[in-house]
């Protein structure tokens, strides 16, 4: 039976039926996996935002050759496609983290939130000098 309130304990079913913790070691490994996965989410969000900034920046217009314009538009389309793929991957990771938190285990909750905070500290703290407001939600 699924818990409907926040609880402490080593017995957790996370995301799929086969991911069950029944010992303190498996619970600790699950918490480490949640921490690393949420830190990886912040890393991927940083990569996506940086790639999106590079893809949407306006390159200087070529002065003499008109042959470079189709190449630029093709690479820009490729960059937009890659940005969309990164957004999809990052959204999937965010929703999986949200579903992990919905296990209502306090340890999982703390592991995910602390992983997001540490990932933000390492990967996205430098974003403060450039304001990028793409999506304020941590899970999308």
N, C-alpha and C. Protein backbone atom coordinates (compact mmCIF):
# COMPACT_ATOMS: atom_id res chain seq x y z
N UNK A 1 0.84 -1.18 0.00
CA UNK A 1 0.00 0.00 0.00
C UNK A 1 0.88 1.25 0.00
N UNK A 2 0.50 2.20 -0.79
CA UNK A 2 1.27 3.44 -0.92
C UNK A 2 0.96 4.37 0.24
N UNK A 3 2.01 5.01 0.76
CA UNK A 3 1.83 5.99 1.83
C UNK A 3 1.22 7.26 1.26
N UNK A 4 0.35 7.88 2.06
CA UNK A 4 -0.26 9.14 1.64
C UNK A 4 0.21 10.31 2.48
N UNK A 5 1.13 10.06 3.39
CA UNK A 5 1.73 11.12 4.20
C UNK A 5 3.25 10.92 4.20
N UNK A 6 3.97 11.98 4.52
CA UNK A 6 5.42 11.90 4.58
C UNK A 6 5.83 10.97 5.71
N UNK A 7 6.72 10.03 5.42
CA UNK A 7 7.14 9.07 6.43
C UNK A 7 8.64 8.85 6.35
N UNK A 8 9.21 8.42 7.46
CA UNK A 8 10.60 8.02 7.54
C UNK A 8 10.67 6.51 7.56
N UNK A 9 11.57 5.94 6.85
CA UNK A 9 11.73 4.50 6.88
C UNK A 9 12.56 4.00 5.72
N UNK A 10 13.10 2.81 5.88
CA UNK A 10 13.97 2.25 4.84
C UNK A 10 13.19 1.48 3.78
N UNK A 11 11.94 1.20 4.00
CA UNK A 11 11.14 0.44 3.03
C UNK A 11 10.47 1.40 2.06
N UNK A 12 11.03 1.44 0.83
CA UNK A 12 10.55 2.36 -0.19
C UNK A 12 10.38 1.60 -1.50
N UNK A 13 9.32 1.89 -2.21
CA UNK A 13 9.17 1.46 -3.60
C UNK A 13 9.29 2.71 -4.45
N UNK A 14 10.31 2.76 -5.30
CA UNK A 14 10.61 3.98 -6.04
C UNK A 14 10.42 3.75 -7.54
N UNK A 15 9.50 4.47 -8.12
CA UNK A 15 9.22 4.54 -9.55
C UNK A 15 8.66 3.25 -10.14
N UNK A 16 9.28 2.10 -9.92
CA UNK A 16 8.79 0.84 -10.49
C UNK A 16 8.74 -0.21 -9.37
N UNK A 17 7.94 -1.23 -9.58
CA UNK A 17 7.74 -2.25 -8.55
C UNK A 17 9.02 -3.00 -8.19
N UNK A 18 9.93 -3.13 -9.14
CA UNK A 18 11.14 -3.89 -8.85
C UNK A 18 12.20 -3.07 -8.11
N UNK A 19 11.99 -1.75 -7.97
CA UNK A 19 12.93 -0.92 -7.22
C UNK A 19 12.42 -0.75 -5.80
N UNK A 20 12.63 -1.77 -5.00
CA UNK A 20 12.21 -1.76 -3.60
C UNK A 20 13.44 -1.85 -2.72
N UNK A 21 13.41 -1.10 -1.64
CA UNK A 21 14.50 -1.17 -0.68
C UNK A 21 14.02 -1.95 0.53
N UNK A 22 14.81 -2.91 0.96
CA UNK A 22 14.43 -3.71 2.12
C UNK A 22 15.54 -3.74 3.18
N UNK A 23 16.66 -3.10 2.89
CA UNK A 23 17.75 -3.03 3.86
C UNK A 23 18.27 -1.60 3.90
N UNK A 24 19.05 -1.31 4.91
CA UNK A 24 19.59 0.03 5.03
C UNK A 24 20.59 0.32 3.91
N UNK A 25 21.30 -0.68 3.46
CA UNK A 25 22.25 -0.48 2.36
C UNK A 25 21.53 -0.14 1.06
N UNK A 26 20.49 -0.88 0.73
CA UNK A 26 19.75 -0.58 -0.50
C UNK A 26 19.05 0.78 -0.40
N UNK A 27 18.61 1.15 0.80
CA UNK A 27 17.98 2.46 1.00
C UNK A 27 19.02 3.57 0.81
N UNK A 28 20.21 3.38 1.37
CA UNK A 28 21.28 4.38 1.22
C UNK A 28 21.69 4.52 -0.24
N UNK A 29 21.81 3.41 -0.96
CA UNK A 29 22.15 3.47 -2.38
C UNK A 29 21.05 4.17 -3.19
N UNK A 30 19.81 3.96 -2.81
CA UNK A 30 18.70 4.64 -3.46
C UNK A 30 18.77 6.14 -3.22
N UNK A 31 19.09 6.55 -2.00
CA UNK A 31 19.22 7.97 -1.70
C UNK A 31 20.38 8.60 -2.47
N UNK A 32 21.48 7.88 -2.58
CA UNK A 32 22.62 8.38 -3.35
C UNK A 32 22.24 8.52 -4.83
N UNK A 33 21.50 7.53 -5.35
CA UNK A 33 21.05 7.60 -6.75
C UNK A 33 20.13 8.80 -6.96
N UNK A 34 19.22 9.05 -6.03
CA UNK A 34 18.33 10.22 -6.13
C UNK A 34 19.12 11.51 -6.09
N UNK A 35 20.10 11.59 -5.21
CA UNK A 35 20.95 12.77 -5.10
C UNK A 35 21.70 13.02 -6.41
N UNK A 36 22.34 11.98 -6.94
CA UNK A 36 23.12 12.12 -8.17
C UNK A 36 22.23 12.44 -9.37
N UNK A 37 21.07 11.82 -9.43
CA UNK A 37 20.14 12.05 -10.54
C UNK A 37 19.63 13.49 -10.53
N UNK A 38 19.35 14.03 -9.34
CA UNK A 38 18.86 15.41 -9.28
C UNK A 38 19.99 16.40 -9.54
N UNK A 39 21.22 16.09 -9.16
CA UNK A 39 22.36 16.94 -9.52
C UNK A 39 22.59 16.90 -11.03
N UNK A 40 22.42 15.72 -11.63
CA UNK A 40 22.55 15.59 -13.09
C UNK A 40 21.46 16.40 -13.79
N UNK A 41 20.28 16.50 -13.20
CA UNK A 41 19.21 17.33 -13.76
C UNK A 41 19.67 18.77 -13.87
N UNK A 42 20.32 19.29 -12.83
CA UNK A 42 20.79 20.68 -12.87
C UNK A 42 21.90 20.84 -13.91
N UNK A 43 22.76 19.85 -14.05
CA UNK A 43 23.80 19.89 -15.07
C UNK A 43 23.18 19.95 -16.47
N UNK A 44 22.20 19.08 -16.71
CA UNK A 44 21.54 19.06 -18.02
C UNK A 44 20.77 20.35 -18.28
N UNK A 45 20.18 20.92 -17.26
CA UNK A 45 19.48 22.20 -17.42
C UNK A 45 20.48 23.30 -17.79
N UNK A 46 21.64 23.30 -17.17
CA UNK A 46 22.67 24.28 -17.51
C UNK A 46 23.13 24.10 -18.95
N UNK A 47 23.38 22.86 -19.36
CA UNK A 47 23.79 22.60 -20.75
C UNK A 47 22.72 23.04 -21.74
N UNK A 48 21.47 22.75 -21.42
CA UNK A 48 20.36 23.11 -22.32
C UNK A 48 20.24 24.62 -22.45
N UNK A 49 20.31 25.33 -21.33
CA UNK A 49 20.19 26.79 -21.39
C UNK A 49 21.37 27.42 -22.12
N UNK A 50 22.56 26.91 -21.90
CA UNK A 50 23.73 27.45 -22.61
C UNK A 50 23.63 27.15 -24.11
N UNK A 51 23.20 25.95 -24.45
CA UNK A 51 23.07 25.60 -25.87
C UNK A 51 21.96 26.42 -26.52
N UNK A 52 20.89 26.66 -25.78
CA UNK A 52 19.79 27.47 -26.29
C UNK A 52 20.26 28.90 -26.53
N UNK A 53 21.08 29.43 -25.64
CA UNK A 53 21.63 30.77 -25.82
C UNK A 53 22.51 30.83 -27.05
N UNK A 54 23.35 29.81 -27.23
CA UNK A 54 24.21 29.78 -28.42
C UNK A 54 23.39 29.61 -29.69
N UNK A 55 22.34 28.81 -29.64
CA UNK A 55 21.54 28.56 -30.84
C UNK A 55 20.72 29.78 -31.23
N UNK A 56 20.29 30.57 -30.25
CA UNK A 56 19.45 31.71 -30.58
C UNK A 56 20.21 33.00 -30.78
N UNK A 57 21.53 33.00 -30.56
CA UNK A 57 22.32 34.21 -30.77
C UNK A 57 22.39 34.50 -32.26
N UNK A 58 22.37 35.77 -32.60
CA UNK A 58 22.42 36.19 -34.00
C UNK A 58 23.87 36.31 -34.44
N UNK A 59 24.30 35.46 -35.37
CA UNK A 59 25.66 35.60 -35.88
C UNK A 59 25.76 36.84 -36.76
N UNK A 60 26.95 37.36 -36.88
CA UNK A 60 27.14 38.52 -37.74
C UNK A 60 26.87 38.13 -39.18
N UNK A 61 26.29 39.03 -39.92
CA UNK A 61 25.95 38.77 -41.32
C UNK A 61 27.22 38.67 -42.15
N UNK A 62 27.30 37.68 -43.04
CA UNK A 62 28.47 37.59 -43.91
C UNK A 62 28.51 38.78 -44.86
N UNK A 63 29.67 39.35 -45.04
CA UNK A 63 29.77 40.59 -45.81
C UNK A 63 29.90 40.34 -47.31
N UNK A 64 30.64 39.34 -47.73
CA UNK A 64 30.91 39.22 -49.16
C UNK A 64 30.28 37.98 -49.79
N UNK A 65 30.17 36.89 -49.07
CA UNK A 65 29.68 35.67 -49.70
C UNK A 65 28.25 35.39 -49.28
N UNK A 66 27.42 35.09 -50.22
CA UNK A 66 26.05 34.72 -49.92
C UNK A 66 25.89 33.23 -49.72
N UNK A 67 26.96 32.45 -49.95
CA UNK A 67 26.88 31.00 -49.83
C UNK A 67 26.82 30.54 -48.38
N UNK A 68 27.24 31.37 -47.45
CA UNK A 68 27.26 30.95 -46.05
C UNK A 68 25.87 31.02 -45.41
N UNK A 69 24.95 31.76 -46.00
CA UNK A 69 23.63 31.92 -45.40
C UNK A 69 22.86 30.61 -45.32
N UNK A 70 22.80 29.76 -46.38
CA UNK A 70 22.11 28.49 -46.22
C UNK A 70 22.77 27.58 -45.19
N UNK A 71 24.10 27.63 -45.09
CA UNK A 71 24.78 26.82 -44.09
C UNK A 71 24.41 27.28 -42.69
N UNK A 72 24.30 28.57 -42.48
CA UNK A 72 23.91 29.09 -41.17
C UNK A 72 22.49 28.68 -40.82
N UNK A 73 21.59 28.76 -41.80
CA UNK A 73 20.21 28.40 -41.50
C UNK A 73 20.08 26.90 -41.22
N UNK A 74 20.87 26.08 -41.90
CA UNK A 74 20.83 24.64 -41.64
C UNK A 74 21.39 24.32 -40.25
N UNK A 75 22.49 24.96 -39.89
CA UNK A 75 23.06 24.71 -38.57
C UNK A 75 22.15 25.27 -37.48
N UNK A 76 21.47 26.36 -37.77
CA UNK A 76 20.53 26.93 -36.79
C UNK A 76 19.35 25.98 -36.59
N UNK A 77 18.86 25.36 -37.67
CA UNK A 77 17.77 24.38 -37.53
C UNK A 77 18.24 23.17 -36.73
N UNK A 78 19.46 22.74 -36.97
CA UNK A 78 20.02 21.62 -36.21
C UNK A 78 20.17 21.98 -34.74
N UNK A 79 20.59 23.20 -34.47
CA UNK A 79 20.73 23.65 -33.09
C UNK A 79 19.38 23.73 -32.40
N UNK A 80 18.37 24.18 -33.10
CA UNK A 80 17.03 24.24 -32.51
C UNK A 80 16.48 22.84 -32.25
N UNK A 81 16.75 21.92 -33.16
CA UNK A 81 16.33 20.54 -32.95
C UNK A 81 17.04 19.93 -31.74
N UNK A 82 18.34 20.17 -31.64
CA UNK A 82 19.10 19.65 -30.50
C UNK A 82 18.62 20.27 -29.20
N UNK A 83 18.27 21.55 -29.22
CA UNK A 83 17.73 22.20 -28.03
C UNK A 83 16.40 21.56 -27.63
N UNK A 84 15.57 21.23 -28.61
CA UNK A 84 14.30 20.58 -28.32
C UNK A 84 14.50 19.19 -27.73
N UNK A 85 15.49 18.46 -28.25
CA UNK A 85 15.79 17.13 -27.71
C UNK A 85 16.29 17.24 -26.26
N UNK A 86 17.16 18.20 -26.00
CA UNK A 86 17.65 18.41 -24.63
C UNK A 86 16.51 18.81 -23.70
N UNK A 87 15.57 19.61 -24.19
CA UNK A 87 14.42 19.99 -23.37
C UNK A 87 13.58 18.77 -23.04
N UNK A 88 13.39 17.88 -24.01
CA UNK A 88 12.62 16.67 -23.75
C UNK A 88 13.28 15.76 -22.73
N UNK A 89 14.59 15.59 -22.86
CA UNK A 89 15.33 14.76 -21.91
C UNK A 89 15.27 15.37 -20.51
N UNK A 90 15.47 16.67 -20.43
CA UNK A 90 15.45 17.34 -19.14
C UNK A 90 14.05 17.31 -18.52
N UNK A 91 13.03 17.44 -19.32
CA UNK A 91 11.66 17.35 -18.79
C UNK A 91 11.39 15.95 -18.25
N UNK A 92 11.85 14.93 -18.96
CA UNK A 92 11.66 13.55 -18.48
C UNK A 92 12.37 13.33 -17.15
N UNK A 93 13.59 13.84 -17.03
CA UNK A 93 14.32 13.70 -15.76
C UNK A 93 13.57 14.43 -14.65
N UNK A 94 13.09 15.62 -14.94
CA UNK A 94 12.36 16.40 -13.94
C UNK A 94 11.10 15.69 -13.47
N UNK A 95 10.35 15.11 -14.39
CA UNK A 95 9.13 14.40 -14.00
C UNK A 95 9.44 13.12 -13.24
N UNK A 96 10.53 12.44 -13.60
CA UNK A 96 10.92 11.26 -12.83
C UNK A 96 11.31 11.63 -11.40
N UNK A 97 11.99 12.78 -11.24
CA UNK A 97 12.31 13.25 -9.89
C UNK A 97 11.04 13.58 -9.11
N UNK A 98 10.08 14.18 -9.78
CA UNK A 98 8.81 14.49 -9.12
C UNK A 98 8.11 13.21 -8.69
N UNK A 99 8.12 12.20 -9.54
CA UNK A 99 7.48 10.93 -9.18
C UNK A 99 8.23 10.24 -8.04
N UNK A 100 9.55 10.40 -7.99
CA UNK A 100 10.31 9.83 -6.88
C UNK A 100 9.90 10.50 -5.57
N UNK A 101 9.74 11.81 -5.60
CA UNK A 101 9.31 12.52 -4.39
C UNK A 101 7.91 12.08 -3.98
N UNK A 102 7.10 11.70 -4.96
CA UNK A 102 5.73 11.27 -4.64
C UNK A 102 5.69 9.90 -3.96
N UNK A 103 6.84 9.31 -3.69
CA UNK A 103 6.87 8.11 -2.86
C UNK A 103 6.59 8.48 -1.40
N UNK A 104 6.64 9.76 -1.09
CA UNK A 104 6.37 10.33 0.23
C UNK A 104 7.38 9.89 1.28
N UNK A 105 8.53 9.40 0.86
CA UNK A 105 9.58 9.07 1.82
C UNK A 105 10.39 10.32 2.08
N UNK A 106 10.57 10.66 3.35
CA UNK A 106 11.28 11.89 3.71
C UNK A 106 12.74 11.85 3.28
N UNK A 107 13.37 10.69 3.34
CA UNK A 107 14.76 10.58 2.91
C UNK A 107 14.91 10.83 1.42
N UNK A 108 13.99 10.29 0.62
CA UNK A 108 14.01 10.53 -0.82
C UNK A 108 13.78 12.01 -1.10
N UNK A 109 12.86 12.61 -0.39
CA UNK A 109 12.57 14.04 -0.56
C UNK A 109 13.83 14.87 -0.27
N UNK A 110 14.49 14.59 0.85
CA UNK A 110 15.69 15.34 1.21
C UNK A 110 16.84 15.09 0.24
N UNK A 111 16.97 13.86 -0.25
CA UNK A 111 18.03 13.54 -1.21
C UNK A 111 17.83 14.30 -2.53
N UNK A 112 16.58 14.36 -3.00
CA UNK A 112 16.30 15.05 -4.26
C UNK A 112 16.49 16.55 -4.10
N UNK A 113 15.97 17.12 -3.04
CA UNK A 113 16.09 18.57 -2.84
C UNK A 113 17.55 18.97 -2.62
N UNK A 114 18.28 18.20 -1.82
CA UNK A 114 19.69 18.54 -1.62
C UNK A 114 20.50 18.32 -2.90
N UNK A 115 20.16 17.32 -3.68
CA UNK A 115 20.83 17.13 -4.98
C UNK A 115 20.57 18.27 -5.93
N UNK A 116 19.34 18.78 -5.96
CA UNK A 116 19.03 19.95 -6.78
C UNK A 116 19.82 21.16 -6.31
N UNK A 117 19.91 21.34 -5.00
CA UNK A 117 20.64 22.50 -4.45
C UNK A 117 22.14 22.40 -4.75
N UNK A 118 22.72 21.23 -4.55
CA UNK A 118 24.15 21.05 -4.81
C UNK A 118 24.43 21.17 -6.31
N UNK A 119 23.56 20.60 -7.13
CA UNK A 119 23.72 20.73 -8.57
C UNK A 119 23.62 22.18 -9.02
N UNK A 120 22.71 22.92 -8.42
CA UNK A 120 22.60 24.34 -8.73
C UNK A 120 23.86 25.07 -8.32
N UNK A 121 24.38 24.75 -7.15
CA UNK A 121 25.60 25.40 -6.67
C UNK A 121 26.77 25.14 -7.61
N UNK A 122 26.94 23.92 -8.05
CA UNK A 122 28.08 23.58 -8.91
C UNK A 122 27.90 23.99 -10.36
N UNK A 123 26.69 23.85 -10.89
CA UNK A 123 26.52 24.01 -12.34
C UNK A 123 25.82 25.29 -12.76
N UNK A 124 24.98 25.87 -11.88
CA UNK A 124 24.17 26.98 -12.35
C UNK A 124 24.36 28.26 -11.58
N UNK A 125 25.23 28.28 -10.60
CA UNK A 125 25.45 29.49 -9.82
C UNK A 125 26.04 30.61 -10.69
N UNK A 126 26.78 30.26 -11.70
CA UNK A 126 27.37 31.26 -12.58
C UNK A 126 26.33 31.95 -13.45
N UNK A 127 25.10 31.41 -13.50
CA UNK A 127 24.03 32.01 -14.30
C UNK A 127 23.49 33.29 -13.68
N UNK A 128 23.91 33.63 -12.47
CA UNK A 128 23.34 34.79 -11.80
C UNK A 128 23.70 36.09 -12.50
N UNK A 129 24.85 36.17 -13.19
CA UNK A 129 25.20 37.40 -13.87
C UNK A 129 24.40 37.57 -15.16
N UNK A 130 23.91 36.50 -15.76
CA UNK A 130 23.02 36.59 -16.91
C UNK A 130 21.68 36.01 -16.51
N UNK A 131 20.64 36.81 -16.64
CA UNK A 131 19.31 36.38 -16.21
C UNK A 131 18.66 35.59 -17.33
N UNK A 132 18.40 34.32 -17.06
CA UNK A 132 17.73 33.45 -18.01
C UNK A 132 16.48 32.91 -17.30
N UNK A 133 15.32 33.37 -17.74
CA UNK A 133 14.09 32.87 -17.15
C UNK A 133 13.41 32.03 -18.22
N UNK A 134 13.67 30.74 -18.16
CA UNK A 134 13.07 29.83 -19.12
C UNK A 134 11.86 29.16 -18.50
N UNK A 135 12.04 28.61 -17.32
CA UNK A 135 10.95 27.96 -16.62
C UNK A 135 11.34 27.93 -15.14
N UNK A 136 10.51 28.50 -14.31
CA UNK A 136 10.84 28.60 -12.89
C UNK A 136 10.64 27.28 -12.15
N UNK A 137 9.91 26.35 -12.71
CA UNK A 137 9.64 25.08 -12.06
C UNK A 137 10.88 24.21 -12.09
N UNK A 138 11.21 23.60 -10.97
CA UNK A 138 12.41 22.77 -10.90
C UNK A 138 12.23 21.42 -11.56
N UNK A 139 11.00 21.07 -11.92
CA UNK A 139 10.78 19.73 -12.46
C UNK A 139 10.29 19.75 -13.89
N UNK A 140 10.42 20.85 -14.59
CA UNK A 140 9.98 20.85 -15.99
C UNK A 140 10.98 21.57 -16.87
